[in-house]
Amino acid sequence: MDLWVDNARWHKGERVRKFLLKNRNLHIHYLPPYHPELNYQESLWRTMRYEETTNVYFETLFDLEVSVFKRSQRWKPQKIISLCKLI
């Protein structure tokens, strides 16, 4: 099984190496340093920020979380596919 991850430090290190030694069927591949087109959540998050947080003041972090969650629930699958450039 292949797993593609970014280069965050928590995706590397001794704990990860030990885990991979115990789980030899898992292979980690690292994405290049900055390629948002390979990291689909970058496109999703950029659009979400623009649509939901531009010129909006949130009283609390909870209000922001609720707002982002509600927006994500309104997105149709076709929009997500197009943002990720999967088709």
C-alpha atoms as a PDB file:
ATOM      1  CA  MET A   1       0.000   0.000   0.000  1.00  0.00           C
ATOM      2  CA  ASP A   2       1.254   3.435  -0.945  1.00  0.00           C
ATOM      3  CA  LEU A   3       0.725   6.585   1.084  1.00  0.00           C
ATOM      4  CA  TRP A   4       1.554  10.020  -0.313  1.00  0.00           C
ATOM      5  CA  VAL A   5       2.269  12.718   2.291  1.00  0.00           C
ATOM      6  CA  ASP A   6       3.799  16.165   2.438  1.00  0.00           C
ATOM      7  CA  ASN A   7       7.169  16.834   4.012  1.00  0.00           C
ATOM      8  CA  ALA A   8       5.856  17.826   7.425  1.00  0.00           C
ATOM      9  CA  ARG A   9       8.229  16.770  10.171  1.00  0.00           C
ATOM     10  CA  TRP A  10       5.609  14.537  11.809  1.00  0.00           C
ATOM     11  CA  HIS A  11       5.599  12.408   8.651  1.00  0.00           C
ATOM     12  CA  LYS A  12       9.258  11.607   9.248  1.00  0.00           C
ATOM     13  CA  GLY A  13      11.455  10.672  12.141  1.00  0.00           C
ATOM     14  CA  GLU A  14      12.178   7.695  14.355  1.00  0.00           C
ATOM     15  CA  ARG A  15       8.561   6.851  15.232  1.00  0.00           C
ATOM     16  CA  VAL A  16       7.623   6.725  11.538  1.00  0.00           C
ATOM     17  CA  ARG A  17      10.659   4.571  10.705  1.00  0.00           C
ATOM     18  CA  LYS A  18       9.771   2.119  13.488  1.00  0.00           C
ATOM     19  CA  PHE A  19       6.149   1.982  12.317  1.00  0.00           C
ATOM     20  CA  LEU A  20       7.233   1.280   8.743  1.00  0.00           C
ATOM     21  CA  LEU A  21       9.535  -1.514   9.903  1.00  0.00           C
ATOM     22  CA  LYS A  22       6.561  -3.205  11.581  1.00  0.00           C
ATOM     23  CA  ASN A  23       4.265  -2.530   8.604  1.00  0.00           C
ATOM     24  CA  ARG A  24       6.337  -3.470   5.594  1.00  0.00           C
ATOM     25  CA  ASN A  25       3.349  -3.449   3.255  1.00  0.00           C
ATOM     26  CA  LEU A  26       3.034   0.338   3.688  1.00  0.00           C
ATOM     27  CA  HIS A  27       5.267   2.603   1.609  1.00  0.00           C
ATOM     28  CA  ILE A  28       5.432   6.344   2.214  1.00  0.00           C
ATOM     29  CA  HIS A  29       6.145   8.661  -0.697  1.00  0.00           C
ATOM     30  CA  TYR A  30       6.856  12.340  -0.110  1.00  0.00           C
ATOM     31  CA  LEU A  31       5.384  15.096  -2.254  1.00  0.00           C
ATOM     32  CA  PRO A  32       7.750  17.737  -3.639  1.00  0.00           C
ATOM     33  CA  PRO A  33       8.249  20.720  -1.291  1.00  0.00           C
ATOM     34  CA  TYR A  34       5.552  22.999  -2.710  1.00  0.00           C
ATOM     35  CA  HIS A  35       3.221  21.757  -5.385  1.00  0.00           C
ATOM     36  CA  PRO A  36      -0.366  22.634  -4.448  1.00  0.00           C
ATOM     37  CA  GLU A  37      -1.601  20.958  -7.617  1.00  0.00           C
ATOM     38  CA  LEU A  38      -0.468  17.660  -6.090  1.00  0.00           C
ATOM     39  CA  ASN A  39      -2.007  18.434  -2.722  1.00  0.00           C
ATOM     40  CA  TYR A  40      -5.744  18.626  -3.436  1.00  0.00           C
ATOM     41  CA  GLN A  41      -6.799  19.987  -0.072  1.00  0.00           C
ATOM     42  CA  GLU A  42      -4.854  23.167  -0.905  1.00  0.00           C
ATOM     43  CA  SER A  43      -7.360  24.016  -3.659  1.00  0.00           C
ATOM     44  CA  LEU A  44     -10.287  23.105  -1.468  1.00  0.00           C
ATOM     45  CA  TRP A  45      -9.046  25.186   1.434  1.00  0.00           C
ATOM     46  CA  ARG A  46      -8.202  28.213  -0.763  1.00  0.00           C
ATOM     47  CA  THR A  47     -11.740  28.203  -2.179  1.00  0.00           C
ATOM     48  CA  MET A  48     -13.302  27.626   1.231  1.00  0.00           C
ATOM     49  CA  ARG A  49     -11.387  30.558   2.723  1.00  0.00           C
ATOM     50  CA  TYR A  50     -12.414  32.819  -0.135  1.00  0.00           C
ATOM     51  CA  GLU A  51     -16.094  31.851  -0.088  1.00  0.00           C
ATOM     52  CA  GLU A  52     -16.629  31.688   3.643  1.00  0.00           C
ATOM     53  CA  THR A  53     -14.180  33.982   5.396  1.00  0.00           C
ATOM     54  CA  THR A  54     -13.632  36.953   3.065  1.00  0.00           C
ATOM     55  CA  ASN A  55     -14.757  40.142   4.826  1.00  0.00           C
ATOM     56  CA  VAL A  56     -16.382  38.203   7.662  1.00  0.00           C
ATOM     57  CA  TYR A  57     -15.751  38.622  11.362  1.00  0.00           C
ATOM     58  CA  PHE A  58     -16.216  35.564  13.554  1.00  0.00           C
ATOM     59  CA  GLU A  59     -16.845  36.221  17.215  1.00  0.00           C
ATOM     60  CA  THR A  60     -15.348  32.878  18.255  1.00  0.00           C
ATOM     61  CA  LEU A  61     -13.349  30.028  16.787  1.00  0.00           C
ATOM     62  CA  PHE A  62     -16.451  27.880  17.181  1.00  0.00           C
ATOM     63  CA  ASP A  63     -18.406  30.283  14.942  1.00  0.00           C
ATOM     64  CA  LEU A  64     -15.722  29.929  12.293  1.00  0.00           C
ATOM     65  CA  GLU A  65     -15.794  26.131  12.556  1.00  0.00           C
ATOM     66  CA  VAL A  66     -19.576  26.039  12.193  1.00  0.00           C
ATOM     67  CA  SER A  67     -19.477  28.366   9.217  1.00  0.00           C
ATOM     68  CA  VAL A  68     -16.805  26.356   7.393  1.00  0.00           C
ATOM     69  CA  PHE A  69     -18.578  23.081   8.145  1.00  0.00           C
ATOM     70  CA  LYS A  70     -21.906  24.378   6.838  1.00  0.00           C
ATOM     71  CA  ARG A  71     -20.254  25.663   3.667  1.00  0.00           C
ATOM     72  CA  SER A  72     -18.590  22.312   3.061  1.00  0.00           C
ATOM     73  CA  GLN A  73     -21.946  20.561   3.432  1.00  0.00           C
ATOM     74  CA  ARG A  74     -23.441  22.767   0.715  1.00  0.00           C
ATOM     75  CA  TRP A  75     -20.749  21.891  -1.816  1.00  0.00           C
ATOM     76  CA  LYS A  76     -21.862  19.412  -4.460  1.00  0.00           C
ATOM     77  CA  PRO A  77     -19.560  16.503  -5.345  1.00  0.00           C
ATOM     78  CA  GLN A  78     -19.016  17.947  -8.824  1.00  0.00           C
ATOM     79  CA  LYS A  79     -17.596  21.153  -7.329  1.00  0.00           C
ATOM     80  CA  ILE A  80     -15.118  19.202  -5.207  1.00  0.00           C
ATOM     81  CA  ILE A  81     -14.074  17.128  -8.197  1.00  0.00           C
ATOM     82  CA  SER A  82     -13.547  20.243 -10.296  1.00  0.00           C
ATOM     83  CA  LEU A  83     -11.532  21.984  -7.559  1.00  0.00           C
ATOM     84  CA  CYS A  84      -9.294  18.933  -7.254  1.00  0.00           C
ATOM     85  CA  LYS A  85      -8.953  18.751 -11.055  1.00  0.00           C
ATOM     86  CA  LEU A  86      -9.708  15.051 -10.947  1.00  0.00           C
ATOM     87  CA  ILE A  87     -11.563  15.108 -14.247  1.00  0.00           C
END
